Amino acid sequence: MAEKPRPLEQMLDLTEEEASAEHLDNQVQKAQEQLLQLKRQQERVARESFAQHLELVEAIDPRNWNPSDLHKELSRALSTVDDARTEYNEHRSRLQAASGGGNGDQSLPDTTPGAYENADGRSFSEWLQIGLALTLPLILFGVIALALLVWMNSR
């Protein structure tokens, strides 16, 4: 007695090559359409998010800040900019991954500065060296003055 073929075996049965090729082409086309629709939806959500963050960043106006709350206002503004940067980098990586990793495509600009790096492109260690170089004469003068003071008091 012959067993009834299971659905998976039916899918693998290629006796009707033309029908199965047509079926596979239809499935591939549907999958491509769904993928395109998802990419468009993702780009639309990203644009909406960027627009919201742009409005928040453009709303930062230091001229309207209360001088007594300057530290709080500055922290709030920096937090707004950092949130926008984080959101941008998340969407940037998603969009590049969705577009095939940027193979031949123009890649989106990176906004993440290195650790302890500011807009001038100087790292913390560079600023430390600059600070040491600028204060070294003052340190030497203080050491010499202290040594002279101790020497004069010991006489």
C-alpha atoms as a PDB file:
ATOM      1  CA  MET A   1       0.000   0.000   0.000  1.00  0.00           C
ATOM      2  CA  ALA A   2       1.514   3.347  -1.074  1.00  0.00           C
ATOM      3  CA  GLU A   3       1.802   6.127   1.454  1.00  0.00           C
ATOM      4  CA  LYS A   4       0.134   9.435   0.818  1.00  0.00           C
ATOM      5  CA  PRO A   5       2.886  12.002   0.092  1.00  0.00           C
ATOM      6  CA  ARG A   6       3.399  14.622   2.789  1.00  0.00           C
ATOM      7  CA  PRO A   7       3.072  18.321   1.898  1.00  0.00           C
ATOM      8  CA  LEU A   8       6.853  18.836   2.035  1.00  0.00           C
ATOM      9  CA  GLU A   9       7.386  15.963  -0.350  1.00  0.00           C
ATOM     10  CA  GLN A  10       4.725  17.425  -2.623  1.00  0.00           C
ATOM     11  CA  MET A  11       6.661  20.680  -2.750  1.00  0.00           C
ATOM     12  CA  LEU A  12       9.818  18.808  -3.652  1.00  0.00           C
ATOM     13  CA  ASP A  13       8.094  16.842  -6.387  1.00  0.00           C
ATOM     14  CA  LEU A  14       9.345  18.492  -9.581  1.00  0.00           C
ATOM     15  CA  THR A  15       7.341  16.503 -12.077  1.00  0.00           C
ATOM     16  CA  GLU A  16       5.590  19.636 -13.278  1.00  0.00           C
ATOM     17  CA  GLU A  17       8.672  21.781 -13.901  1.00  0.00           C
ATOM     18  CA  GLU A  18       6.886  24.630 -15.637  1.00  0.00           C
ATOM     19  CA  ALA A  19       4.204  24.966 -12.975  1.00  0.00           C
ATOM     20  CA  SER A  20       6.699  24.821 -10.109  1.00  0.00           C
ATOM     21  CA  ALA A  21       9.040  27.311 -11.806  1.00  0.00           C
ATOM     22  CA  GLU A  22       6.109  29.665 -12.275  1.00  0.00           C
ATOM     23  CA  HIS A  23       5.108  29.128  -8.654  1.00  0.00           C
ATOM     24  CA  LEU A  24       8.645  29.848  -7.444  1.00  0.00           C
ATOM     25  CA  ASP A  25       8.856  32.968  -9.612  1.00  0.00           C
ATOM     26  CA  ASN A  26       5.586  34.212  -8.121  1.00  0.00           C
ATOM     27  CA  GLN A  27       6.830  33.560  -4.601  1.00  0.00           C
ATOM     28  CA  VAL A  28      10.105  35.363  -5.292  1.00  0.00           C
ATOM     29  CA  GLN A  29       8.243  38.308  -6.803  1.00  0.00           C
ATOM     30  CA  LYS A  30       5.913  38.507  -3.787  1.00  0.00           C
ATOM     31  CA  ALA A  31       8.864  38.344  -1.397  1.00  0.00           C
ATOM     32  CA  GLN A  32      10.652  41.114  -3.318  1.00  0.00           C
ATOM     33  CA  GLU A  33       7.535  43.283  -3.222  1.00  0.00           C
ATOM     34  CA  GLN A  34       7.183  42.728   0.523  1.00  0.00           C
ATOM     35  CA  LEU A  35      10.861  43.561   1.038  1.00  0.00           C
ATOM     36  CA  LEU A  36      10.513  46.745  -0.983  1.00  0.00           C
ATOM     37  CA  GLN A  37       7.413  47.717   0.989  1.00  0.00           C
ATOM     38  CA  LEU A  38       9.253  47.114   4.283  1.00  0.00           C
ATOM     39  CA  LYS A  39      12.233  49.199   3.102  1.00  0.00           C
ATOM     40  CA  ARG A  40       9.913  52.065   2.154  1.00  0.00           C
ATOM     41  CA  GLN A  41       8.178  51.829   5.512  1.00  0.00           C
ATOM     42  CA  GLN A  42      11.509  51.821   7.345  1.00  0.00           C
ATOM     43  CA  GLU A  43      12.718  54.853   5.376  1.00  0.00           C
ATOM     44  CA  ARG A  44       9.438  56.684   6.090  1.00  0.00           C
ATOM     45  CA  VAL A  45       9.746  55.975   9.908  1.00  0.00           C
ATOM     46  CA  ALA A  46      13.378  57.130   9.750  1.00  0.00           C
ATOM     47  CA  ARG A  47      12.415  60.363   7.950  1.00  0.00           C
ATOM     48  CA  GLU A  48       9.700  61.064  10.520  1.00  0.00           C
ATOM     49  CA  SER A  49      12.138  60.455  13.353  1.00  0.00           C
ATOM     50  CA  PHE A  50      14.773  62.680  11.736  1.00  0.00           C
ATOM     51  CA  ALA A  51      12.213  65.444  11.249  1.00  0.00           C
ATOM     52  CA  GLN A  52      11.207  65.270  14.927  1.00  0.00           C
ATOM     53  CA  HIS A  53      14.816  65.406  16.088  1.00  0.00           C
ATOM     54  CA  LEU A  54      15.570  68.239  13.663  1.00  0.00           C
ATOM     55  CA  GLU A  55      12.720  70.272  15.140  1.00  0.00           C
ATOM     56  CA  LEU A  56      14.049  69.657  18.653  1.00  0.00           C
ATOM     57  CA  VAL A  57      17.608  70.599  17.712  1.00  0.00           C
ATOM     58  CA  GLU A  58      16.504  73.719  15.842  1.00  0.00           C
ATOM     59  CA  ALA A  59      14.421  74.743  18.875  1.00  0.00           C
ATOM     60  CA  ILE A  60      17.591  75.067  20.967  1.00  0.00           C
ATOM     61  CA  ASP A  61      18.125  78.804  21.420  1.00  0.00           C
ATOM     62  CA  PRO A  62      20.727  79.826  24.017  1.00  0.00           C
ATOM     63  CA  ARG A  63      19.565  83.456  23.833  1.00  0.00           C
ATOM     64  CA  ASN A  64      16.352  82.490  25.621  1.00  0.00           C
ATOM     65  CA  TRP A  65      18.067  80.620  28.447  1.00  0.00           C
ATOM     66  CA  ASN A  66      17.909  81.919  31.978  1.00  0.00           C
ATOM     67  CA  PRO A  67      21.505  82.689  33.078  1.00  0.00           C
ATOM     68  CA  SER A  68      20.876  81.172  36.509  1.00  0.00           C
ATOM     69  CA  ASP A  69      19.849  77.858  34.911  1.00  0.00           C
ATOM     70  CA  LEU A  70      22.589  77.876  32.298  1.00  0.00           C
ATOM     71  CA  HIS A  71      24.068  74.538  33.409  1.00  0.00           C
ATOM     72  CA  LYS A  72      20.665  72.835  33.357  1.00  0.00           C
ATOM     73  CA  GLU A  73      19.751  74.297  29.961  1.00  0.00           C
ATOM     74  CA  LEU A  74      23.103  73.305  28.484  1.00  0.00           C
ATOM     75  CA  SER A  75      22.717  69.758  29.792  1.00  0.00           C
ATOM     76  CA  ARG A  76      19.237  69.569  28.291  1.00  0.00           C
ATOM     77  CA  ALA A  77      20.507  70.840  24.916  1.00  0.00           C
ATOM     78  CA  LEU A  78      23.412  68.389  24.886  1.00  0.00           C
ATOM     79  CA  SER A  79      21.041  65.569  25.772  1.00  0.00           C
ATOM     80  CA  THR A  80      18.792  66.549  22.853  1.00  0.00           C
ATOM     81  CA  VAL A  81      21.724  66.549  20.443  1.00  0.00           C
ATOM     82  CA  ASP A  82      23.034  63.226  21.784  1.00  0.00           C
ATOM     83  CA  ASP A  83      19.584  61.643  21.429  1.00  0.00           C
ATOM     84  CA  ALA A  84      19.391  62.840  17.832  1.00  0.00           C
ATOM     85  CA  ARG A  85      22.893  61.514  17.111  1.00  0.00           C
ATOM     86  CA  THR A  86      22.067  58.127  18.640  1.00  0.00           C
ATOM     87  CA  GLU A  87      18.834  57.854  16.669  1.00  0.00           C
ATOM     88  CA  TYR A  88      20.640  58.866  13.471  1.00  0.00           C
ATOM     89  CA  ASN A  89      23.356  56.257  13.968  1.00  0.00           C
ATOM     90  CA  GLU A  90      20.781  53.529  14.671  1.00  0.00           C
ATOM     91  CA  HIS A  91      18.811  54.323  11.523  1.00  0.00           C
ATOM     92  CA  ARG A  92      22.035  54.756   9.554  1.00  0.00           C
ATOM     93  CA  SER A  93      23.207  51.251  10.392  1.00  0.00           C
ATOM     94  CA  ARG A  94      19.760  49.774   9.676  1.00  0.00           C
ATOM     95  CA  LEU A  95      19.466  51.523   6.318  1.00  0.00           C
ATOM     96  CA  GLN A  96      22.980  50.493   5.277  1.00  0.00           C
ATOM     97  CA  ALA A  97      22.294  46.896   6.309  1.00  0.00           C
ATOM     98  CA  ALA A  98      19.002  46.919   4.412  1.00  0.00           C
ATOM     99  CA  SER A  99      20.674  48.273   1.292  1.00  0.00           C
ATOM    100  CA  GLY A 100      23.245  45.497   1.269  1.00  0.00           C
ATOM    101  CA  GLY A 101      25.947  47.078   3.405  1.00  0.00           C
ATOM    102  CA  GLY A 102      26.664  49.914   1.021  1.00  0.00           C
ATOM    103  CA  ASN A 103      28.180  47.829  -1.770  1.00  0.00           C
ATOM    104  CA  GLY A 104      28.881  50.481  -4.325  1.00  0.00           C
ATOM    105  CA  ASP A 105      26.253  52.740  -2.740  1.00  0.00           C
ATOM    106  CA  GLN A 106      27.127  56.076  -1.278  1.00  0.00           C
ATOM    107  CA  SER A 107      27.563  55.454   2.422  1.00  0.00           C
ATOM    108  CA  LEU A 108      25.921  57.679   4.983  1.00  0.00           C
ATOM    109  CA  PRO A 109      28.238  59.975   6.970  1.00  0.00           C
ATOM    110  CA  ASP A 110      29.371  58.862  10.396  1.00  0.00           C
ATOM    111  CA  THR A 111      28.636  61.194  13.298  1.00  0.00           C
ATOM    112  CA  THR A 112      30.177  59.272  16.137  1.00  0.00           C
ATOM    113  CA  PRO A 113      33.295  61.045  17.346  1.00  0.00           C
ATOM    114  CA  GLY A 114      36.025  58.989  18.949  1.00  0.00           C
ATOM    115  CA  ALA A 115      36.176  58.631  22.698  1.00  0.00           C
ATOM    116  CA  TYR A 116      37.024  61.944  24.374  1.00  0.00           C
ATOM    117  CA  GLU A 117      37.169  63.768  21.062  1.00  0.00           C
ATOM    118  CA  ASN A 118      35.547  67.094  20.384  1.00  0.00           C
ATOM    119  CA  ALA A 119      34.656  69.012  17.235  1.00  0.00           C
ATOM    120  CA  ASP A 120      38.263  70.210  16.797  1.00  0.00           C
ATOM    121  CA  GLY A 121      39.341  66.592  16.385  1.00  0.00           C
ATOM    122  CA  ARG A 122      41.657  66.657  19.413  1.00  0.00           C
ATOM    123  CA  SER A 123      41.598  63.801  21.856  1.00  0.00           C
ATOM    124  CA  PHE A 124      41.724  64.060  25.622  1.00  0.00           C
ATOM    125  CA  SER A 125      45.420  63.154  25.715  1.00  0.00           C
ATOM    126  CA  GLU A 126      46.227  65.922  23.223  1.00  0.00           C
ATOM    127  CA  TRP A 127      44.380  68.474  25.355  1.00  0.00           C
ATOM    128  CA  LEU A 128      46.208  67.145  28.423  1.00  0.00           C
ATOM    129  CA  GLN A 129      49.564  67.700  26.720  1.00  0.00           C
ATOM    130  CA  ILE A 130      48.543  71.207  25.637  1.00  0.00           C
ATOM    131  CA  GLY A 131      47.421  72.046  29.165  1.00  0.00           C
ATOM    132  CA  LEU A 132      50.666  70.744  30.626  1.00  0.00           C
ATOM    133  CA  ALA A 133      52.713  72.734  28.131  1.00  0.00           C
ATOM    134  CA  LEU A 134      50.796  75.921  28.924  1.00  0.00           C
ATOM    135  CA  THR A 135      50.997  75.541  32.704  1.00  0.00           C
ATOM    136  CA  LEU A 136      54.576  74.211  32.920  1.00  0.00           C
ATOM    137  CA  PRO A 137      56.150  77.692  33.268  1.00  0.00           C
ATOM    138  CA  LEU A 138      53.713  78.528  36.066  1.00  0.00           C
ATOM    139  CA  ILE A 139      54.487  75.221  37.816  1.00  0.00           C
ATOM    140  CA  LEU A 140      58.265  75.826  37.539  1.00  0.00           C
ATOM    141  CA  PHE A 141      57.895  79.380  38.871  1.00  0.00           C
ATOM    142  CA  GLY A 142      55.858  78.070  41.823  1.00  0.00           C
ATOM    143  CA  VAL A 143      58.393  75.365  42.641  1.00  0.00           C
ATOM    144  CA  ILE A 144      61.291  77.852  42.500  1.00  0.00           C
ATOM    145  CA  ALA A 145      59.378  80.385  44.628  1.00  0.00           C
ATOM    146  CA  LEU A 146      58.503  77.682  47.173  1.00  0.00           C
ATOM    147  CA  ALA A 147      62.121  76.519  47.322  1.00  0.00           C
ATOM    148  CA  LEU A 148      63.332  80.097  47.862  1.00  0.00           C
ATOM    149  CA  LEU A 149      60.713  80.632  50.582  1.00  0.00           C
ATOM    150  CA  VAL A 150      61.733  77.460  52.404  1.00  0.00           C
ATOM    151  CA  TRP A 151      65.420  78.348  52.067  1.00  0.00           C
ATOM    152  CA  MET A 152      64.881  81.893  53.383  1.00  0.00           C
ATOM    153  CA  ASN A 153      62.810  80.688  56.364  1.00  0.00           C
ATOM    154  CA  SER A 154      65.391  78.082  57.282  1.00  0.00           C
ATOM    155  CA  ARG A 155      68.136  80.761  57.765  1.00  0.00           C
END
